[in-house]
PDB file of all heavy atoms in Angstrom:
ATOM      1  N   TYR A   1     -75.349  14.427 115.207  1.00  0.00           N
ATOM      2  CA  TYR A   1     -75.621  15.798 114.752  1.00  0.00           C
ATOM      3  C   TYR A   1     -74.459  16.818 115.051  1.00  0.00           C
ATOM      4  O   TYR A   1     -74.627  17.993 114.916  1.00  0.00           O
ATOM      5  CB  TYR A   1     -76.883  16.341 115.294  1.00  0.00           C
ATOM      6  CG  TYR A   1     -78.100  15.785 114.707  1.00  0.00           C
ATOM      7  CD1 TYR A   1     -78.653  14.572 115.208  1.00  0.00           C
ATOM      8  CD2 TYR A   1     -78.759  16.440 113.662  1.00  0.00           C
ATOM      9  CE1 TYR A   1     -79.803  14.027 114.637  1.00  0.00           C
ATOM     10  CE2 TYR A   1     -80.002  15.893 113.163  1.00  0.00           C
ATOM     11  CZ  TYR A   1     -80.472  14.639 113.630  1.00  0.00           C
ATOM     12  OH  TYR A   1     -81.618  14.101 113.051  1.00  0.00           O
ATOM     13  N   ALA A   2     -73.223  16.220 115.340  1.00  0.00           N
ATOM     14  CA  ALA A   2     -72.184  17.175 115.780  1.00  0.00           C
ATOM     15  C   ALA A   2     -71.808  18.145 114.685  1.00  0.00           C
ATOM     16  O   ALA A   2     -71.500  19.333 114.909  1.00  0.00           O
ATOM     17  CB  ALA A   2     -70.924  16.342 116.178  1.00  0.00           C
ATOM     18  N   PHE A   3     -71.848  17.719 113.357  1.00  0.00           N
ATOM     19  CA  PHE A   3     -71.387  18.615 112.264  1.00  0.00           C
ATOM     20  C   PHE A   3     -72.638  18.717 111.259  1.00  0.00           C
ATOM     21  O   PHE A   3     -72.390  19.148 110.122  1.00  0.00           O
ATOM     22  CB  PHE A   3     -70.181  18.134 111.591  1.00  0.00           C
ATOM     23  CG  PHE A   3     -68.938  18.136 112.448  1.00  0.00           C
ATOM     24  CD1 PHE A   3     -68.606  17.034 113.181  1.00  0.00           C
ATOM     25  CD2 PHE A   3     -68.232  19.312 112.541  1.00  0.00           C
ATOM     26  CE1 PHE A   3     -67.433  17.041 114.018  1.00  0.00           C
ATOM     27  CE2 PHE A   3     -67.082  19.309 113.401  1.00  0.00           C
ATOM     28  CZ  PHE A   3     -66.753  18.227 114.156  1.00  0.00           C
ATOM     29  N   PHE A   4     -73.776  18.437 111.644  1.00  0.00           N
ATOM     30  CA  PHE A   4     -74.984  18.459 110.770  1.00  0.00           C
ATOM     31  C   PHE A   4     -75.068  19.844 110.134  1.00  0.00           C
ATOM     32  O   PHE A   4     -75.025  20.900 110.769  1.00  0.00           O
ATOM     33  CB  PHE A   4     -76.208  18.208 111.600  1.00  0.00           C
ATOM     34  CG  PHE A   4     -77.468  18.087 110.786  1.00  0.00           C
ATOM     35  CD1 PHE A   4     -78.031  16.947 110.328  1.00  0.00           C
ATOM     36  CD2 PHE A   4     -78.133  19.344 110.516  1.00  0.00           C
ATOM     37  CE1 PHE A   4     -79.157  16.971 109.590  1.00  0.00           C
ATOM     38  CE2 PHE A   4     -79.344  19.332 109.810  1.00  0.00           C
ATOM     39  CZ  PHE A   4     -79.888  18.124 109.422  1.00  0.00           C
ATOM     40  N   GLY A   5     -75.200  19.796 108.763  1.00  0.00           N
ATOM     41  CA  GLY A   5     -75.472  21.104 108.077  1.00  0.00           C
ATOM     42  C   GLY A   5     -74.310  22.052 108.081  1.00  0.00           C
ATOM     43  O   GLY A   5     -74.573  23.272 107.810  1.00  0.00           O
ATOM     44  N   CYS A   6     -73.088  21.679 108.333  1.00  0.00           N
ATOM     45  CA  CYS A   6     -71.989  22.586 108.327  1.00  0.00           C
ATOM     46  C   CYS A   6     -71.627  22.779 106.827  1.00  0.00           C
ATOM     47  O   CYS A   6     -70.754  22.041 106.228  1.00  0.00           O
ATOM     48  CB  CYS A   6     -70.789  22.095 109.036  1.00  0.00           C
ATOM     49  SG  CYS A   6     -70.979  22.038 110.897  1.00  0.00           S
ATOM     50  N   SER A   7     -72.225  23.757 106.193  1.00  0.00           N
ATOM     51  CA  SER A   7     -72.227  23.945 104.732  1.00  0.00           C
ATOM     52  C   SER A   7     -70.867  24.263 104.195  1.00  0.00           C
ATOM     53  O   SER A   7     -70.627  24.105 102.965  1.00  0.00           O
ATOM     54  CB  SER A   7     -73.235  24.933 104.347  1.00  0.00           C
ATOM     55  OG  SER A   7     -73.031  26.192 105.029  1.00  0.00           O
ATOM     56  N   SER A   8     -69.917  24.875 104.933  1.00  0.00           N
ATOM     57  CA  SER A   8     -68.626  25.309 104.369  1.00  0.00           C
ATOM     58  C   SER A   8     -67.530  24.236 104.710  1.00  0.00           C
ATOM     59  O   SER A   8     -66.435  24.420 104.237  1.00  0.00           O
ATOM     60  CB  SER A   8     -68.250  26.611 104.919  1.00  0.00           C
ATOM     61  OG  SER A   8     -69.181  27.584 104.517  1.00  0.00           O
ATOM     62  N   LEU A   9     -67.888  23.218 105.439  1.00  0.00           N
ATOM     63  CA  LEU A   9     -66.911  22.227 105.883  1.00  0.00           C
ATOM     64  C   LEU A   9     -66.433  21.393 104.708  1.00  0.00           C
ATOM     65  O   LEU A   9     -67.240  20.785 103.987  1.00  0.00           O
ATOM     66  CB  LEU A   9     -67.398  21.340 106.950  1.00  0.00           C
ATOM     67  CG  LEU A   9     -66.462  20.305 107.623  1.00  0.00           C
ATOM     68  CD1 LEU A   9     -65.382  20.981 108.285  1.00  0.00           C
ATOM     69  CD2 LEU A   9     -67.278  19.337 108.511  1.00  0.00           C
ATOM     70  N   LYS A  10     -65.023  21.455 104.458  1.00  0.00           N
ATOM     71  CA  LYS A  10     -64.558  20.773 103.269  1.00  0.00           C
ATOM     72  C   LYS A  10     -63.674  19.520 103.714  1.00  0.00           C
ATOM     73  O   LYS A  10     -63.627  18.584 102.868  1.00  0.00           O
ATOM     74  CB  LYS A  10     -63.669  21.719 102.434  1.00  0.00           C
ATOM     75  CG  LYS A  10     -64.448  22.790 101.788  1.00  0.00           C
ATOM     76  CD  LYS A  10     -63.510  23.836 101.138  1.00  0.00           C
ATOM     77  CE  LYS A  10     -64.323  24.959 100.539  1.00  0.00           C
ATOM     78  NZ  LYS A  10     -63.439  25.959  99.801  1.00  0.00           N
ATOM     79  N   LEU A  11     -63.010  19.574 104.876  1.00  0.00           N
ATOM     80  CA  LEU A  11     -62.138  18.409 105.221  1.00  0.00           C
ATOM     81  C   LEU A  11     -62.242  18.208 106.779  1.00  0.00           C
ATOM     82  O   LEU A  11     -62.417  19.175 107.480  1.00  0.00           O
ATOM     83  CB  LEU A  11     -60.728  18.805 104.890  1.00  0.00           C
ATOM     84  CG  LEU A  11     -59.617  17.880 105.264  1.00  0.00           C
ATOM     85  CD1 LEU A  11     -58.549  17.843 104.269  1.00  0.00           C
ATOM     86  CD2 LEU A  11     -59.054  18.240 106.666  1.00  0.00           C
ATOM     87  N   ILE A  12     -62.179  16.910 107.108  1.00  0.00           N
ATOM     88  CA  ILE A  12     -62.110  16.615 108.509  1.00  0.00           C
ATOM     89  C   ILE A  12     -61.149  15.482 108.635  1.00  0.00           C
ATOM     90  O   ILE A  12     -61.078  14.481 107.862  1.00  0.00           O
ATOM     91  CB  ILE A  12     -63.434  16.189 109.201  1.00  0.00           C
ATOM     92  CG1 ILE A  12     -63.227  15.899 110.635  1.00  0.00           C
ATOM     93  CG2 ILE A  12     -64.114  15.069 108.458  1.00  0.00           C
ATOM     94  CD1 ILE A  12     -64.516  15.914 111.478  1.00  0.00           C
ATOM     95  N   ASP A  13     -60.238  15.565 109.605  1.00  0.00           N
ATOM     96  CA  ASP A  13     -59.277  14.468 110.009  1.00  0.00           C
ATOM     97  C   ASP A  13     -59.760  13.867 111.384  1.00  0.00           C
ATOM     98  O   ASP A  13     -59.788  14.491 112.353  1.00  0.00           O
ATOM     99  CB  ASP A  13     -57.858  15.071 110.175  1.00  0.00           C
ATOM    100  CG  ASP A  13     -56.815  14.081 110.490  1.00  0.00           C
ATOM    101  OD1 ASP A  13     -57.158  12.916 110.772  1.00  0.00           O
ATOM    102  OD2 ASP A  13     -55.569  14.374 110.319  1.00  0.00           O
ATOM    103  N   LEU A  14     -60.110  12.613 111.199  1.00  0.00           N
ATOM    104  CA  LEU A  14     -60.750  11.862 112.370  1.00  0.00           C
ATOM    105  C   LEU A  14     -59.802  11.357 113.342  1.00  0.00           C
ATOM    106  O   LEU A  14     -60.248  10.991 114.524  1.00  0.00           O
ATOM    107  CB  LEU A  14     -61.695  10.736 111.833  1.00  0.00           C
ATOM    108  CG  LEU A  14     -62.869  11.105 110.987  1.00  0.00           C
ATOM    109  CD1 LEU A  14     -63.543   9.854 110.526  1.00  0.00           C
ATOM    110  CD2 LEU A  14     -63.856  11.991 111.860  1.00  0.00           C
ATOM    111  N   LYS A  15     -58.535  11.323 113.052  1.00  0.00           N
ATOM    112  CA  LYS A  15     -57.469  10.842 113.997  1.00  0.00           C
ATOM    113  C   LYS A  15     -57.803   9.447 114.556  1.00  0.00           C
ATOM    114  O   LYS A  15     -57.691   8.531 113.820  1.00  0.00           O
ATOM    115  CB  LYS A  15     -57.229  11.836 115.129  1.00  0.00           C
ATOM    116  CG  LYS A  15     -56.636  13.180 114.650  1.00  0.00           C
ATOM    117  CD  LYS A  15     -55.262  13.016 114.138  1.00  0.00           C
ATOM    118  CE  LYS A  15     -54.579  14.367 113.796  1.00  0.00           C
ATOM    119  NZ  LYS A  15     -53.255  14.219 113.180  1.00  0.00           N
ATOM    120  N   ASN A  16     -58.262   9.418 115.795  1.00  0.00           N
ATOM    121  CA  ASN A  16     -58.443   8.081 116.469  1.00  0.00           C
ATOM    122  C   ASN A  16     -59.945   7.811 116.824  1.00  0.00           C
ATOM    123  O   ASN A  16     -60.245   6.929 117.635  1.00  0.00           O
ATOM    124  CB  ASN A  16     -57.665   8.061 117.774  1.00  0.00           C
ATOM    125  CG  ASN A  16     -56.194   8.125 117.478  1.00  0.00           C
ATOM    126  OD1 ASN A  16     -55.708   7.383 116.544  1.00  0.00           O
ATOM    127  ND2 ASN A  16     -55.353   8.824 118.179  1.00  0.00           N
ATOM    128  N   VAL A  17     -60.819   8.403 116.080  1.00  0.00           N
ATOM    129  CA  VAL A  17     -62.252   8.214 116.405  1.00  0.00           C
ATOM    130  C   VAL A  17     -62.660   6.718 116.145  1.00  0.00           C
ATOM    131  O   VAL A  17     -62.247   6.099 115.196  1.00  0.00           O
ATOM    132  CB  VAL A  17     -63.158   9.176 115.603  1.00  0.00           C
ATOM    133  CG1 VAL A  17     -64.661   8.687 115.623  1.00  0.00           C
ATOM    134  CG2 VAL A  17     -63.028  10.592 116.039  1.00  0.00           C
ATOM    135  N   THR A  18     -63.484   6.117 117.092  1.00  0.00           N
ATOM    136  CA  THR A  18     -63.918   4.830 116.960  1.00  0.00           C
ATOM    137  C   THR A  18     -65.328   4.651 116.429  1.00  0.00           C
ATOM    138  O   THR A  18     -65.648   3.624 115.799  1.00  0.00           O
ATOM    139  CB  THR A  18     -63.800   4.042 118.310  1.00  0.00           C
ATOM    140  OG1 THR A  18     -64.712   4.779 119.269  1.00  0.00           O
ATOM    141  CG2 THR A  18     -62.405   3.994 118.822  1.00  0.00           C
ATOM    142  N   LYS A  19     -66.124   5.648 116.580  1.00  0.00           N
ATOM    143  CA  LYS A  19     -67.540   5.558 116.131  1.00  0.00           C
ATOM    144  C   LYS A  19     -68.061   6.954 115.668  1.00  0.00           C
ATOM    145  O   LYS A  19     -67.778   7.960 116.334  1.00  0.00           O
ATOM    146  CB  LYS A  19     -68.408   5.105 117.225  1.00  0.00           C
ATOM    147  CG  LYS A  19     -69.872   4.936 116.827  1.00  0.00           C
ATOM    148  CD  LYS A  19     -70.801   4.493 117.890  1.00  0.00           C
ATOM    149  CE  LYS A  19     -72.274   4.441 117.456  1.00  0.00           C
ATOM    150  NZ  LYS A  19     -73.191   3.934 118.541  1.00  0.00           N
ATOM    151  N   ILE A  20     -68.679   6.988 114.521  1.00  0.00           N
ATOM    152  CA  ILE A  20     -69.411   8.171 114.062  1.00  0.00           C
ATOM    153  C   ILE A  20     -70.886   8.028 114.333  1.00  0.00           C
ATOM    154  O   ILE A  20     -71.537   7.099 113.875  1.00  0.00           O
ATOM    155  CB  ILE A  20     -69.135   8.361 112.556  1.00  0.00           C
ATOM    156  CG1 ILE A  20     -67.658   8.517 112.194  1.00  0.00           C
ATOM    157  CG2 ILE A  20     -69.915   9.536 112.021  1.00  0.00           C
ATOM    158  CD1 ILE A  20     -67.326   8.550 110.713  1.00  0.00           C
ATOM    159  N   GLY A  21     -71.492   8.943 115.053  1.00  0.00           N
ATOM    160  CA  GLY A  21     -72.876   8.880 115.497  1.00  0.00           C
ATOM    161  C   GLY A  21     -73.819   9.223 114.415  1.00  0.00           C
ATOM    162  O   GLY A  21     -73.452   9.738 113.287  1.00  0.00           O
ATOM    163  N   SER A  22     -75.114   9.065 114.666  1.00  0.00           N
ATOM    164  CA  SER A  22     -76.108   9.314 113.598  1.00  0.00           C
ATOM    165  C   SER A  22     -76.167  10.782 113.220  1.00  0.00           C
ATOM    166  O   SER A  22     -76.077  11.666 114.056  1.00  0.00           O
ATOM    167  CB  SER A  22     -77.493   8.885 114.144  1.00  0.00           C
ATOM    168  OG  SER A  22     -77.901   9.661 115.144  1.00  0.00           O
ATOM    169  N   ASN A  23     -76.219  10.938 111.923  1.00  0.00           N
ATOM    170  CA  ASN A  23     -76.333  12.315 111.294  1.00  0.00           C
ATOM    171  C   ASN A  23     -75.128  13.247 111.669  1.00  0.00           C
ATOM    172  O   ASN A  23     -75.300  14.451 111.581  1.00  0.00           O
ATOM    173  CB  ASN A  23     -77.661  13.009 111.666  1.00  0.00           C
ATOM    174  CG  ASN A  23     -78.845  12.365 111.034  1.00  0.00           C
ATOM    175  OD1 ASN A  23     -78.940  12.433 109.765  1.00  0.00           O
ATOM    176  ND2 ASN A  23     -79.701  11.716 111.804  1.00  0.00           N
ATOM    177  N   THR A  24     -74.015  12.652 112.068  1.00  0.00           N
ATOM    178  CA  THR A  24     -72.858  13.468 112.342  1.00  0.00           C
ATOM    179  C   THR A  24     -72.452  14.452 111.292  1.00  0.00           C
ATOM    180  O   THR A  24     -72.265  15.593 111.507  1.00  0.00           O
ATOM    181  CB  THR A  24     -71.665  12.600 112.690  1.00  0.00           C
ATOM    182  OG1 THR A  24     -72.049  11.652 113.828  1.00  0.00           O
ATOM    183  CG2 THR A  24     -70.513  13.383 113.179  1.00  0.00           C
TER     184      THR A  24
END
């Protein structure tokens, strides 16, 4: 749920992330 419902978010650069959690 880190970015859940961020309605204006258009871009994200994940760099070195290994796992995306549920409903992120």
